[in-house]
Amino acid sequence: MARIVHAVVALFVLLMGLIQFNDPDPAYWVTVYVLVAVIPAARIFGRRLPKTSLVAAGMVLSGLLIAVPGFIDYLTSGDYASIGGKMMAVKPYVELAREFLGLVIAAVVLSVYNKWGLR
C-alpha cells in the first residue's frame, strides 16, 4: 500500500512539473517539481535521497521567497476567483499566487517525506 501512495504522490508532483512546460520560464519549474517527485519515487525502491531533498528544498524555499510578495498582492486584491481564471497583464499576482501555492504543495511533500520519515 505504501508503494502505491509513493507512486501517486510522485506522479502528482511530476504532473505539476509537466504542465509547466508552457510557462515562460519552464527550466526552474520543471526542475523543482521533478526533483520533488524523485523523493517519493525513490521510496518505492526503499531509497532515501537526502542530497536531492536538500537541493529541492533550497529551490522550493527560494521560489517561495520570490513568489510571496505576489501572493500577498493576490490576498489583498480580494479577487480570489481570479486564481482559476485566465492570465492577464493587469493581474500579475495571479501567476505568482499559483506559483506560490504549487511550491507550498512541494514543500509539504518534502516535509512529509523528510521530516517525518514517511516509509
PDB file of N, CA and C in Angstrom:
ATOM      1  N   MET A   1       0.824  -1.199   0.000  1.00  0.00           N
ATOM      2  CA  MET A   1       0.000   0.000   0.000  1.00  0.00           C
ATOM      3  C   MET A   1       0.867   1.262   0.000  1.00  0.00           C
ATOM      4  N   ALA A   2       1.954   1.241   0.772  1.00  0.00           N
ATOM      5  CA  ALA A   2       2.833   2.416   0.839  1.00  0.00           C
ATOM      6  C   ALA A   2       3.422   2.730  -0.537  1.00  0.00           C
ATOM      7  N   ARG A   3       3.775   1.714  -1.280  1.00  0.00           N
ATOM      8  CA  ARG A   3       4.348   1.947  -2.606  1.00  0.00           C
ATOM      9  C   ARG A   3       3.352   2.635  -3.535  1.00  0.00           C
ATOM     10  N   ILE A   4       2.094   2.292  -3.385  1.00  0.00           N
ATOM     11  CA  ILE A   4       1.056   2.926  -4.203  1.00  0.00           C
ATOM     12  C   ILE A   4       0.950   4.407  -3.840  1.00  0.00           C
ATOM     13  N   VAL A   5       0.981   4.703  -2.546  1.00  0.00           N
ATOM     14  CA  VAL A   5       0.923   6.099  -2.103  1.00  0.00           C
ATOM     15  C   VAL A   5       2.124   6.867  -2.641  1.00  0.00           C
ATOM     16  N   HIS A   6       3.315   6.270  -2.534  1.00  0.00           N
ATOM     17  CA  HIS A   6       4.516   6.925  -3.052  1.00  0.00           C
ATOM     18  C   HIS A   6       4.385   7.192  -4.557  1.00  0.00           C
ATOM     19  N   ALA A   7       3.871   6.218  -5.275  1.00  0.00           N
ATOM     20  CA  ALA A   7       3.716   6.373  -6.730  1.00  0.00           C
ATOM     21  C   ALA A   7       2.709   7.464  -7.063  1.00  0.00           C
ATOM     22  N   VAL A   8       1.603   7.508  -6.344  1.00  0.00           N
ATOM     23  CA  VAL A   8       0.585   8.535  -6.595  1.00  0.00           C
ATOM     24  C   VAL A   8       1.142   9.921  -6.313  1.00  0.00           C
ATOM     25  N   VAL A   9       1.843  10.069  -5.193  1.00  0.00           N
ATOM     26  CA  VAL A   9       2.431  11.375  -4.853  1.00  0.00           C
ATOM     27  C   VAL A   9       3.470  11.774  -5.900  1.00  0.00           C
ATOM     28  N   ALA A  10       4.328  10.842  -6.281  1.00  0.00           N
ATOM     29  CA  ALA A  10       5.353  11.136  -7.286  1.00  0.00           C
ATOM     30  C   ALA A  10       4.717  11.545  -8.609  1.00  0.00           C
ATOM     31  N   LEU A  11       3.696  10.829  -9.042  1.00  0.00           N
ATOM     32  CA  LEU A  11       3.023  11.162 -10.308  1.00  0.00           C
ATOM     33  C   LEU A  11       2.310  12.510 -10.230  1.00  0.00           C
ATOM     34  N   PHE A  12       1.694  12.788  -9.103  1.00  0.00           N
ATOM     35  CA  PHE A  12       1.015  14.073  -8.928  1.00  0.00           C
ATOM     36  C   PHE A  12       2.002  15.235  -9.056  1.00  0.00           C
ATOM     37  N   VAL A  13       3.121  15.135  -8.352  1.00  0.00           N
ATOM     38  CA  VAL A  13       4.117  16.204  -8.401  1.00  0.00           C
ATOM     39  C   VAL A  13       4.746  16.277  -9.797  1.00  0.00           C
ATOM     40  N   LEU A  14       4.983  15.140 -10.406  1.00  0.00           N
ATOM     41  CA  LEU A  14       5.533  15.134 -11.757  1.00  0.00           C
ATOM     42  C   LEU A  14       4.574  15.811 -12.745  1.00  0.00           C
ATOM     43  N   LEU A  15       3.296  15.564 -12.604  1.00  0.00           N
ATOM     44  CA  LEU A  15       2.307  16.226 -13.456  1.00  0.00           C
ATOM     45  C   LEU A  15       2.313  17.736 -13.236  1.00  0.00           C
ATOM     46  N   MET A  16       2.530  18.156 -11.991  1.00  0.00           N
ATOM     47  CA  MET A  16       2.649  19.587 -11.713  1.00  0.00           C
ATOM     48  C   MET A  16       3.807  20.170 -12.514  1.00  0.00           C
ATOM     49  N   GLY A  17       4.875  19.405 -12.625  1.00  0.00           N
ATOM     50  CA  GLY A  17       6.031  19.858 -13.396  1.00  0.00           C
ATOM     51  C   GLY A  17       5.770  19.854 -14.892  1.00  0.00           C
ATOM     52  N   LEU A  18       5.075  18.846 -15.367  1.00  0.00           N
ATOM     53  CA  LEU A  18       4.820  18.739 -16.801  1.00  0.00           C
ATOM     54  C   LEU A  18       3.960  19.878 -17.331  1.00  0.00           C
ATOM     55  N   ILE A  19       3.029  20.362 -16.523  1.00  0.00           N
ATOM     56  CA  ILE A  19       2.189  21.461 -17.001  1.00  0.00           C
ATOM     57  C   ILE A  19       2.958  22.783 -17.026  1.00  0.00           C
ATOM     58  N   GLN A  20       4.168  22.787 -16.499  1.00  0.00           N
ATOM     59  CA  GLN A  20       4.987  23.995 -16.506  1.00  0.00           C
ATOM     60  C   GLN A  20       5.733  24.206 -17.821  1.00  0.00           C
ATOM     61  N   PHE A  21       5.684  23.238 -18.716  1.00  0.00           N
ATOM     62  CA  PHE A  21       6.386  23.394 -19.995  1.00  0.00           C
ATOM     63  C   PHE A  21       5.866  24.575 -20.809  1.00  0.00           C
ATOM     64  N   ASN A  22       4.627  24.997 -20.569  1.00  0.00           N
ATOM     65  CA  ASN A  22       4.091  26.141 -21.306  1.00  0.00           C
ATOM     66  C   ASN A  22       4.369  27.460 -20.594  1.00  0.00           C
ATOM     67  N   ASP A  23       5.075  27.433 -19.482  1.00  0.00           N
ATOM     68  CA  ASP A  23       5.417  28.631 -18.718  1.00  0.00           C
ATOM     69  C   ASP A  23       6.537  29.390 -19.432  1.00  0.00           C
ATOM     70  N   PRO A  24       6.581  30.709 -19.275  1.00  0.00           N
ATOM     71  CA  PRO A  24       7.679  31.463 -19.904  1.00  0.00           C
ATOM     72  C   PRO A  24       9.065  31.077 -19.376  1.00  0.00           C
ATOM     73  N   ASP A  25       9.129  30.574 -18.140  1.00  0.00           N
ATOM     74  CA  ASP A  25      10.413  30.162 -17.568  1.00  0.00           C
ATOM     75  C   ASP A  25      10.310  28.715 -17.055  1.00  0.00           C
ATOM     76  N   PRO A  26      10.197  27.758 -17.977  1.00  0.00           N
ATOM     77  CA  PRO A  26       9.943  26.372 -17.564  1.00  0.00           C
ATOM     78  C   PRO A  26      11.129  25.673 -16.889  1.00  0.00           C
ATOM     79  N   ALA A  27      12.341  26.093 -17.144  1.00  0.00           N
ATOM     80  CA  ALA A  27      13.504  25.354 -16.624  1.00  0.00           C
ATOM     81  C   ALA A  27      13.461  25.227 -15.110  1.00  0.00           C
ATOM     82  N   TYR A  28      13.238  26.317 -14.416  1.00  0.00           N
ATOM     83  CA  TYR A  28      13.182  26.263 -12.950  1.00  0.00           C
ATOM     84  C   TYR A  28      12.031  25.395 -12.489  1.00  0.00           C
ATOM     85  N   TRP A  29      10.846  25.647 -13.037  1.00  0.00           N
ATOM     86  CA  TRP A  29       9.645  24.975 -12.542  1.00  0.00           C
ATOM     87  C   TRP A  29       9.671  23.474 -12.801  1.00  0.00           C
ATOM     88  N   VAL A  30      10.057  23.084 -13.984  1.00  0.00           N
ATOM     89  CA  VAL A  30      10.134  21.651 -14.289  1.00  0.00           C
ATOM     90  C   VAL A  30      11.189  20.996 -13.404  1.00  0.00           C
ATOM     91  N   THR A  31      12.329  21.637 -13.246  1.00  0.00           N
ATOM     92  CA  THR A  31      13.399  21.069 -12.422  1.00  0.00           C
ATOM     93  C   THR A  31      12.956  20.898 -10.978  1.00  0.00           C
ATOM     94  N   VAL A  32      12.352  21.919 -10.405  1.00  0.00           N
ATOM     95  CA  VAL A  32      11.969  21.825  -8.993  1.00  0.00           C
ATOM     96  C   VAL A  32      10.940  20.724  -8.778  1.00  0.00           C
ATOM     97  N   TYR A  33       9.950  20.636  -9.643  1.00  0.00           N
ATOM     98  CA  TYR A  33       8.922  19.606  -9.456  1.00  0.00           C
ATOM     99  C   TYR A  33       9.452  18.201  -9.734  1.00  0.00           C
ATOM    100  N   VAL A  34      10.328  18.062 -10.699  1.00  0.00           N
ATOM    101  CA  VAL A  34      10.934  16.742 -10.958  1.00  0.00           C
ATOM    102  C   VAL A  34      11.777  16.313  -9.754  1.00  0.00           C
ATOM    103  N   LEU A  35      12.562  17.231  -9.206  1.00  0.00           N
ATOM    104  CA  LEU A  35      13.364  16.893  -8.027  1.00  0.00           C
ATOM    105  C   LEU A  35      12.482  16.483  -6.852  1.00  0.00           C
ATOM    106  N   VAL A  36      11.398  17.202  -6.651  1.00  0.00           N
ATOM    107  CA  VAL A  36      10.479  16.842  -5.560  1.00  0.00           C
ATOM    108  C   VAL A  36       9.838  15.490  -5.840  1.00  0.00           C
ATOM    109  N   ALA A  37       9.466  15.213  -7.075  1.00  0.00           N
ATOM    110  CA  ALA A  37       8.836  13.934  -7.424  1.00  0.00           C
ATOM    111  C   ALA A  37       9.791  12.754  -7.239  1.00  0.00           C
ATOM    112  N   VAL A  38      11.078  12.999  -7.397  1.00  0.00           N
ATOM    113  CA  VAL A  38      12.068  11.927  -7.229  1.00  0.00           C
ATOM    114  C   VAL A  38      12.082  11.401  -5.792  1.00  0.00           C
ATOM    115  N   ILE A  39      11.762  12.256  -4.822  1.00  0.00           N
ATOM    116  CA  ILE A  39      11.811  11.853  -3.408  1.00  0.00           C
ATOM    117  C   ILE A  39      10.802  10.724  -3.123  1.00  0.00           C
ATOM    118  N   PRO A  40       9.515  10.881  -3.411  1.00  0.00           N
ATOM    119  CA  PRO A  40       8.605   9.754  -3.185  1.00  0.00           C
ATOM    120  C   PRO A  40       8.864   8.584  -4.133  1.00  0.00           C
ATOM    121  N   ALA A  41       9.325   8.873  -5.350  1.00  0.00           N
ATOM    122  CA  ALA A  41       9.619   7.785  -6.293  1.00  0.00           C
ATOM    123  C   ALA A  41      10.744   6.905  -5.750  1.00  0.00           C
ATOM    124  N   ALA A  42      11.734   7.511  -5.124  1.00  0.00           N
ATOM    125  CA  ALA A  42      12.843   6.735  -4.555  1.00  0.00           C
ATOM    126  C   ALA A  42      12.359   5.831  -3.425  1.00  0.00           C
ATOM    127  N   ARG A  43      11.345   6.274  -2.696  1.00  0.00           N
ATOM    128  CA  ARG A  43      10.822   5.458  -1.586  1.00  0.00           C
ATOM    129  C   ARG A  43      10.155   4.186  -2.082  1.00  0.00           C
ATOM    130  N   ILE A  44       9.695   4.193  -3.321  1.00  0.00           N
ATOM    131  CA  ILE A  44       9.123   2.970  -3.889  1.00  0.00           C
ATOM    132  C   ILE A  44      10.163   1.856  -3.857  1.00  0.00           C
ATOM    133  N   PHE A  45      11.413   2.243  -4.046  1.00  0.00           N
ATOM    134  CA  PHE A  45      12.519   1.280  -4.080  1.00  0.00           C
ATOM    135  C   PHE A  45      13.281   1.225  -2.761  1.00  0.00           C
ATOM    136  N   GLY A  46      12.687   1.813  -1.710  1.00  0.00           N
ATOM    137  CA  GLY A  46      13.302   1.764  -0.387  1.00  0.00           C
ATOM    138  C   GLY A  46      14.515   2.669  -0.229  1.00  0.00           C
ATOM    139  N   ARG A  47      14.633   3.681  -1.054  1.00  0.00           N
ATOM    140  CA  ARG A  47      15.800   4.574  -1.006  1.00  0.00           C
ATOM    141  C   ARG A  47      15.407   5.939  -0.473  1.00  0.00           C
ATOM    142  N   ARG A  48      16.364   6.565   0.159  1.00  0.00           N
ATOM    143  CA  ARG A  48      16.238   7.955   0.596  1.00  0.00           C
ATOM    144  C   ARG A  48      17.318   8.752  -0.112  1.00  0.00           C
ATOM    145  N   LEU A  49      16.990   9.951  -0.490  1.00  0.00           N
ATOM    146  CA  LEU A  49      17.932  10.789  -1.223  1.00  0.00           C
ATOM    147  C   LEU A  49      18.103  12.125  -0.503  1.00  0.00           C
ATOM    148  N   PRO A  50      18.886  12.148   0.578  1.00  0.00           N
ATOM    149  CA  PRO A  50      18.997  13.381   1.362  1.00  0.00           C
ATOM    150  C   PRO A  50      19.593  14.559   0.599  1.00  0.00           C
ATOM    151  N   LYS A  51      20.563  14.311  -0.261  1.00  0.00           N
ATOM    152  CA  LYS A  51      21.157  15.431  -1.019  1.00  0.00           C
ATOM    153  C   LYS A  51      20.160  16.004  -2.021  1.00  0.00           C
ATOM    154  N   THR A  52      19.434  15.143  -2.673  1.00  0.00           N
ATOM    155  CA  THR A  52      18.402  15.600  -3.604  1.00  0.00           C
ATOM    156  C   THR A  52      17.329  16.382  -2.854  1.00  0.00           C
ATOM    157  N   SER A  53      16.983  15.901  -1.663  1.00  0.00           N
ATOM    158  CA  SER A  53      15.995  16.598  -0.836  1.00  0.00           C
ATOM    159  C   SER A  53      16.465  17.995  -0.470  1.00  0.00           C
ATOM    160  N   LEU A  54      17.738  18.127  -0.140  1.00  0.00           N
ATOM    161  CA  LEU A  54      18.273  19.442   0.223  1.00  0.00           C
ATOM    162  C   LEU A  54      18.268  20.395  -0.967  1.00  0.00           C
ATOM    163  N   VAL A  55      18.654  19.908  -2.130  1.00  0.00           N
ATOM    164  CA  VAL A  55      18.637  20.752  -3.331  1.00  0.00           C
ATOM    165  C   VAL A  55      17.203  21.179  -3.644  1.00  0.00           C
ATOM    166  N   ALA A  56      16.279  20.225  -3.593  1.00  0.00           N
ATOM    167  CA  ALA A  56      14.875  20.535  -3.871  1.00  0.00           C
ATOM    168  C   ALA A  56      14.339  21.524  -2.843  1.00  0.00           C
ATOM    169  N   ALA A  57      14.674  21.324  -1.576  1.00  0.00           N
ATOM    170  CA  ALA A  57      14.205  22.234  -0.529  1.00  0.00           C
ATOM    171  C   ALA A  57      14.753  23.639  -0.740  1.00  0.00           C
ATOM    172  N   GLY A  58      15.995  23.749  -1.144  1.00  0.00           N
ATOM    173  CA  GLY A  58      16.568  25.060  -1.426  1.00  0.00           C
ATOM    174  C   GLY A  58      15.874  25.747  -2.585  1.00  0.00           C
ATOM    175  N   MET A  59      15.569  24.985  -3.623  1.00  0.00           N
ATOM    176  CA  MET A  59      14.870  25.555  -4.776  1.00  0.00           C
ATOM    177  C   MET A  59      13.451  25.977  -4.406  1.00  0.00           C
ATOM    178  N   VAL A  60      12.783  25.146  -3.609  1.00  0.00           N
ATOM    179  CA  VAL A  60      11.419  25.470  -3.182  1.00  0.00           C
ATOM    180  C   VAL A  60      11.431  26.724  -2.307  1.00  0.00           C
ATOM    181  N   LEU A  61      12.353  26.770  -1.354  1.00  0.00           N
ATOM    182  CA  LEU A  61      12.430  27.926  -0.464  1.00  0.00           C
ATOM    183  C   LEU A  61      12.724  29.213  -1.237  1.00  0.00           C
ATOM    184  N   SER A  62      13.657  29.164  -2.161  1.00  0.00           N
ATOM    185  CA  SER A  62      13.972  30.367  -2.936  1.00  0.00           C
ATOM    186  C   SER A  62      12.773  30.798  -3.782  1.00  0.00           C
ATOM    187  N   GLY A  63      12.073  29.835  -4.356  1.00  0.00           N
ATOM    188  CA  GLY A  63      10.877  30.162  -5.137  1.00  0.00           C
ATOM    189  C   GLY A  63       9.777  30.763  -4.284  1.00  0.00           C
ATOM    190  N   LEU A  64       9.607  30.222  -3.075  1.00  0.00           N
ATOM    191  CA  LEU A  64       8.605  30.777  -2.161  1.00  0.00           C
ATOM    192  C   LEU A  64       8.936  32.216  -1.792  1.00  0.00           C
ATOM    193  N   LEU A  65      10.204  32.480  -1.523  1.00  0.00           N
ATOM    194  CA  LEU A  65      10.609  33.839  -1.159  1.00  0.00           C
ATOM    195  C   LEU A  65      10.372  34.820  -2.299  1.00  0.00           C
ATOM    196  N   ILE A  66      10.585  34.367  -3.520  1.00  0.00           N
ATOM    197  CA  ILE A  66      10.353  35.231  -4.684  1.00  0.00           C
ATOM    198  C   ILE A  66       8.855  35.452  -4.913  1.00  0.00           C
ATOM    199  N   ALA A  67       8.049  34.429  -4.685  1.00  0.00           N
ATOM    200  CA  ALA A  67       6.622  34.494  -5.003  1.00  0.00           C
ATOM    201  C   ALA A  67       5.764  35.096  -3.890  1.00  0.00           C
ATOM    202  N   VAL A  68       6.274  35.158  -2.666  1.00  0.00           N
ATOM    203  CA  VAL A  68       5.435  35.608  -1.552  1.00  0.00           C
ATOM    204  C   VAL A  68       4.891  37.030  -1.730  1.00  0.00           C
ATOM    205  N   PRO A  69       5.640  37.995  -2.263  1.00  0.00           N
ATOM    206  CA  PRO A  69       5.031  39.322  -2.459  1.00  0.00           C
ATOM    207  C   PRO A  69       3.821  39.283  -3.405  1.00  0.00           C
ATOM    208  N   GLY A  70       3.919  38.501  -4.462  1.00  0.00           N
ATOM    209  CA  GLY A  70       2.791  38.364  -5.383  1.00  0.00           C
ATOM    210  C   GLY A  70       1.610  37.668  -4.739  1.00  0.00           C
ATOM    211  N   PHE A  71       1.894  36.703  -3.875  1.00  0.00           N
ATOM    212  CA  PHE A  71       0.813  36.012  -3.172  1.00  0.00           C
ATOM    213  C   PHE A  71       0.118  36.979  -2.214  1.00  0.00           C
ATOM    214  N   ILE A  72       0.891  37.811  -1.560  1.00  0.00           N
ATOM    215  CA  ILE A  72       0.302  38.824  -0.676  1.00  0.00           C
ATOM    216  C   ILE A  72      -0.551  39.799  -1.486  1.00  0.00           C
ATOM    217  N   ASP A  73      -0.064  40.199  -2.657  1.00  0.00           N
ATOM    218  CA  ASP A  73      -0.858  41.065  -3.545  1.00  0.00           C
ATOM    219  C   ASP A  73      -2.171  40.381  -3.914  1.00  0.00           C
ATOM    220  N   TYR A  74      -2.097  39.084  -4.208  1.00  0.00           N
ATOM    221  CA  TYR A  74      -3.307  38.320  -4.546  1.00  0.00           C
ATOM    222  C   TYR A  74      -4.286  38.338  -3.376  1.00  0.00           C
ATOM    223  N   LEU A  75      -3.775  38.084  -2.177  1.00  0.00           N
ATOM    224  CA  LEU A  75      -4.648  38.062  -0.999  1.00  0.00           C
ATOM    225  C   LEU A  75      -5.277  39.423  -0.732  1.00  0.00           C
ATOM    226  N   THR A  76      -4.503  40.483  -0.884  1.00  0.00           N
ATOM    227  CA  THR A  76      -5.030  41.827  -0.615  1.00  0.00           C
ATOM    228  C   THR A  76      -5.935  42.337  -1.735  1.00  0.00           C
ATOM    229  N   SER A  77      -5.854  41.726  -2.914  1.00  0.00           N
ATOM    230  CA  SER A  77      -6.703  42.160  -4.028  1.00  0.00           C
ATOM    231  C   SER A  77      -8.170  41.822  -3.778  1.00  0.00           C
ATOM    232  N   GLY A  78      -8.409  40.761  -3.023  1.00  0.00           N
ATOM    233  CA  GLY A  78      -9.783  40.318  -2.802  1.00  0.00           C
ATOM    234  C   GLY A  78     -10.380  39.630  -4.014  1.00  0.00           C
ATOM    235  N   ASP A  79      -9.611  39.469  -5.057  1.00  0.00           N
ATOM    236  CA  ASP A  79     -10.062  38.875  -6.315  1.00  0.00           C
ATOM    237  C   ASP A  79      -9.730  37.387  -6.314  1.00  0.00           C
ATOM    238  N   TYR A  80     -10.303  36.668  -5.381  1.00  0.00           N
ATOM    239  CA  TYR A  80      -9.918  35.270  -5.162  1.00  0.00           C
ATOM    240  C   TYR A  80     -10.300  34.346  -6.313  1.00  0.00           C
ATOM    241  N   ALA A  81     -11.346  34.669  -7.035  1.00  0.00           N
ATOM    242  CA  ALA A  81     -11.764  33.828  -8.158  1.00  0.00           C
ATOM    243  C   ALA A  81     -10.768  33.881  -9.311  1.00  0.00           C
ATOM    244  N   SER A  82      -9.934  34.915  -9.341  1.00  0.00           N
ATOM    245  CA  SER A  82      -9.001  35.075 -10.454  1.00  0.00           C
ATOM    246  C   SER A  82      -7.950  33.978 -10.520  1.00  0.00           C
ATOM    247  N   ILE A  83      -7.728  33.261  -9.421  1.00  0.00           N
ATOM    248  CA  ILE A  83      -6.692  32.229  -9.421  1.00  0.00           C
ATOM    249  C   ILE A  83      -7.032  31.088 -10.379  1.00  0.00           C
ATOM    250  N   GLY A  84      -8.302  30.904 -10.641  1.00  0.00           N
ATOM    251  CA  GLY A  84      -8.718  29.859 -11.568  1.00  0.00           C
ATOM    252  C   GLY A  84      -8.992  30.371 -12.961  1.00  0.00           C
ATOM    253  N   GLY A  85      -8.820  31.665 -13.159  1.00  0.00           N
ATOM    254  CA  GLY A  85      -9.139  32.279 -14.449  1.00  0.00           C
ATOM    255  C   GLY A  85      -7.942  32.397 -15.365  1.00  0.00           C
ATOM    256  N   LYS A  86      -8.164  33.126 -16.435  1.00  0.00           N
ATOM    257  CA  LYS A  86      -7.136  33.342 -17.448  1.00  0.00           C
ATOM    258  C   LYS A  86      -6.123  34.372 -16.964  1.00  0.00           C
ATOM    259  N   MET A  87      -4.874  34.187 -17.383  1.00  0.00           N
ATOM    260  CA  MET A  87      -3.819  35.128 -17.029  1.00  0.00           C
ATOM    261  C   MET A  87      -4.053  36.445 -17.769  1.00  0.00           C
ATOM    262  N   MET A  88      -3.865  37.551 -17.031  1.00  0.00           N
ATOM    263  CA  MET A  88      -4.000  38.874 -17.631  1.00  0.00           C
ATOM    264  C   MET A  88      -2.867  39.758 -17.128  1.00  0.00           C
ATOM    265  N   ALA A  89      -2.369  40.619 -17.997  1.00  0.00           N
ATOM    266  CA  ALA A  89      -1.260  41.501 -17.633  1.00  0.00           C
ATOM    267  C   ALA A  89      -1.634  42.442 -16.496  1.00  0.00           C
ATOM    268  N   VAL A  90      -2.914  42.767 -16.360  1.00  0.00           N
ATOM    269  CA  VAL A  90      -3.340  43.670 -15.294  1.00  0.00           C
ATOM    270  C   VAL A  90      -3.426  42.971 -13.932  1.00  0.00           C
ATOM    271  N   LYS A  91      -3.259  41.653 -13.934  1.00  0.00           N
ATOM    272  CA  LYS A  91      -3.306  40.883 -12.690  1.00  0.00           C
ATOM    273  C   LYS A  91      -2.079  39.965 -12.589  1.00  0.00           C
ATOM    274  N   PRO A  92      -0.887  40.531 -12.482  1.00  0.00           N
ATOM    275  CA  PRO A  92       0.320  39.699 -12.424  1.00  0.00           C
ATOM    276  C   PRO A  92       0.397  38.847 -11.158  1.00  0.00           C
ATOM    277  N   TYR A  93      -0.349  39.248 -10.142  1.00  0.00           N
ATOM    278  CA  TYR A  93      -0.340  38.495  -8.885  1.00  0.00           C
ATOM    279  C   TYR A  93      -0.949  37.105  -9.032  1.00  0.00           C
ATOM    280  N   VAL A  94      -1.760  36.901 -10.056  1.00  0.00           N
ATOM    281  CA  VAL A  94      -2.376  35.588 -10.250  1.00  0.00           C
ATOM    282  C   VAL A  94      -1.306  34.531 -10.512  1.00  0.00           C
ATOM    283  N   GLU A  95      -0.375  34.827 -11.398  1.00  0.00           N
ATOM    284  CA  GLU A  95       0.702  33.880 -11.712  1.00  0.00           C
ATOM    285  C   GLU A  95       1.555  33.599 -10.478  1.00  0.00           C
ATOM    286  N   LEU A  96       1.892  34.642  -9.740  1.00  0.00           N
ATOM    287  CA  LEU A  96       2.717  34.457  -8.544  1.00  0.00           C
ATOM    288  C   LEU A  96       1.964  33.691  -7.461  1.00  0.00           C
ATOM    289  N   ALA A  97       0.668  33.914  -7.350  1.00  0.00           N
ATOM    290  CA  ALA A  97      -0.131  33.170  -6.369  1.00  0.00           C
ATOM    291  C   ALA A  97      -0.171  31.691  -6.732  1.00  0.00           C
ATOM    292  N   ARG A  98      -0.337  31.389  -8.008  1.00  0.00           N
ATOM    293  CA  ARG A  98      -0.332  29.991  -8.445  1.00  0.00           C
ATOM    294  C   ARG A  98       1.026  29.348  -8.188  1.00  0.00           C
ATOM    295  N   GLU A  99       2.085  30.079  -8.508  1.00  0.00           N
ATOM    296  CA  GLU A  99       3.430  29.551  -8.276  1.00  0.00           C
ATOM    297  C   GLU A  99       3.661  29.321  -6.790  1.00  0.00           C
ATOM    298  N   PHE A 100       3.239  30.271  -5.972  1.00  0.00           N
ATOM    299  CA  PHE A 100       3.404  30.146  -4.532  1.00  0.00           C
ATOM    300  C   PHE A 100       2.687  28.901  -4.006  1.00  0.00           C
ATOM    301  N   LEU A 101       1.438  28.716  -4.420  1.00  0.00           N
ATOM    302  CA  LEU A 101       0.661  27.568  -3.934  1.00  0.00           C
ATOM    303  C   LEU A 101       1.247  26.240  -4.413  1.00  0.00           C
ATOM    304  N   GLY A 102       1.745  26.203  -5.636  1.00  0.00           N
ATOM    305  CA  GLY A 102       2.405  24.988  -6.119  1.00  0.00           C
ATOM    306  C   GLY A 102       3.640  24.663  -5.304  1.00  0.00           C
ATOM    307  N   LEU A 103       4.395  25.693  -4.955  1.00  0.00           N
ATOM    308  CA  LEU A 103       5.588  25.485  -4.134  1.00  0.00           C
ATOM    309  C   LEU A 103       5.236  25.091  -2.705  1.00  0.00           C
ATOM    310  N   VAL A 104       4.105  25.570  -2.212  1.00  0.00           N
ATOM    311  CA  VAL A 104       3.643  25.138  -0.886  1.00  0.00           C
ATOM    312  C   VAL A 104       3.348  23.635  -0.917  1.00  0.00           C
ATOM    313  N   ILE A 105       2.709  23.178  -1.973  1.00  0.00           N
ATOM    314  CA  ILE A 105       2.447  21.735  -2.115  1.00  0.00           C
ATOM    315  C   ILE A 105       3.763  20.977  -2.152  1.00  0.00           C
ATOM    316  N   ALA A 106       4.731  21.473  -2.916  1.00  0.00           N
ATOM    317  CA  ALA A 106       6.045  20.828  -2.989  1.00  0.00           C
ATOM    318  C   ALA A 106       6.715  20.812  -1.622  1.00  0.00           C
ATOM    319  N   ALA A 107       6.599  21.901  -0.882  1.00  0.00           N
ATOM    320  CA  ALA A 107       7.198  21.975   0.454  1.00  0.00           C
ATOM    321  C   ALA A 107       6.552  20.980   1.406  1.00  0.00           C
ATOM    322  N   VAL A 108       5.249  20.810   1.292  1.00  0.00           N
ATOM    323  CA  VAL A 108       4.551  19.841   2.139  1.00  0.00           C
ATOM    324  C   VAL A 108       5.041  18.426   1.815  1.00  0.00           C
ATOM    325  N   VAL A 109       5.155  18.127   0.533  1.00  0.00           N
ATOM    326  CA  VAL A 109       5.644  16.798   0.138  1.00  0.00           C
ATOM    327  C   VAL A 109       7.042  16.567   0.704  1.00  0.00           C
ATOM    328  N   LEU A 110       7.929  17.536   0.539  1.00  0.00           N
ATOM    329  CA  LEU A 110       9.289  17.387   1.073  1.00  0.00           C
ATOM    330  C   LEU A 110       9.277  17.226   2.586  1.00  0.00           C
ATOM    331  N   SER A 111       8.446  17.998   3.254  1.00  0.00           N
ATOM    332  CA  SER A 111       8.373  17.909   4.718  1.00  0.00           C
ATOM    333  C   SER A 111       7.895  16.541   5.170  1.00  0.00           C
ATOM    334  N   VAL A 112       6.858  16.061   4.542  1.00  0.00           N
ATOM    335  CA  VAL A 112       6.304  14.758   4.929  1.00  0.00           C
ATOM    336  C   VAL A 112       7.340  13.651   4.699  1.00  0.00           C
ATOM    337  N   TYR A 113       8.014  13.711   3.575  1.00  0.00           N
ATOM    338  CA  TYR A 113       8.962  12.648   3.249  1.00  0.00           C
ATOM    339  C   TYR A 113      10.282  12.768   4.001  1.00  0.00           C
ATOM    340  N   ASN A 114      10.655  13.933   4.429  1.00  0.00           N
ATOM    341  CA  ASN A 114      11.949  14.094   5.068  1.00  0.00           C
ATOM    342  C   ASN A 114      11.836  14.258   6.585  1.00  0.00           C
ATOM    343  N   LYS A 115      11.039  15.187   7.023  1.00  0.00           N
ATOM    344  CA  LYS A 115      10.953  15.446   8.462  1.00  0.00           C
ATOM    345  C   LYS A 115      10.311  14.295   9.214  1.00  0.00           C
ATOM    346  N   TRP A 116       9.224  13.788   8.676  1.00  0.00           N
ATOM    347  CA  TRP A 116       8.527  12.727   9.382  1.00  0.00           C
ATOM    348  C   TRP A 116       8.920  11.340   8.906  1.00  0.00           C
ATOM    349  N   GLY A 117       9.822  11.259   7.989  1.00  0.00           N
ATOM    350  CA  GLY A 117      10.356   9.963   7.544  1.00  0.00           C
ATOM    351  C   GLY A 117       9.315   8.989   7.044  1.00  0.00           C
ATOM    352  N   LEU A 118       8.438   9.457   6.171  1.00  0.00           N
ATOM    353  CA  LEU A 118       7.405   8.575   5.617  1.00  0.00           C
ATOM    354  C   LEU A 118       8.054   7.325   5.028  1.00  0.00           C
ATOM    355  N   ARG A 119       7.559   6.193   5.364  1.00  0.00           N
ATOM    356  CA  ARG A 119       8.141   4.934   4.942  1.00  0.00           C
ATOM    357  C   ARG A 119       7.455   4.373   3.727  1.00  0.00           C
TER     358      ARG A 119
END
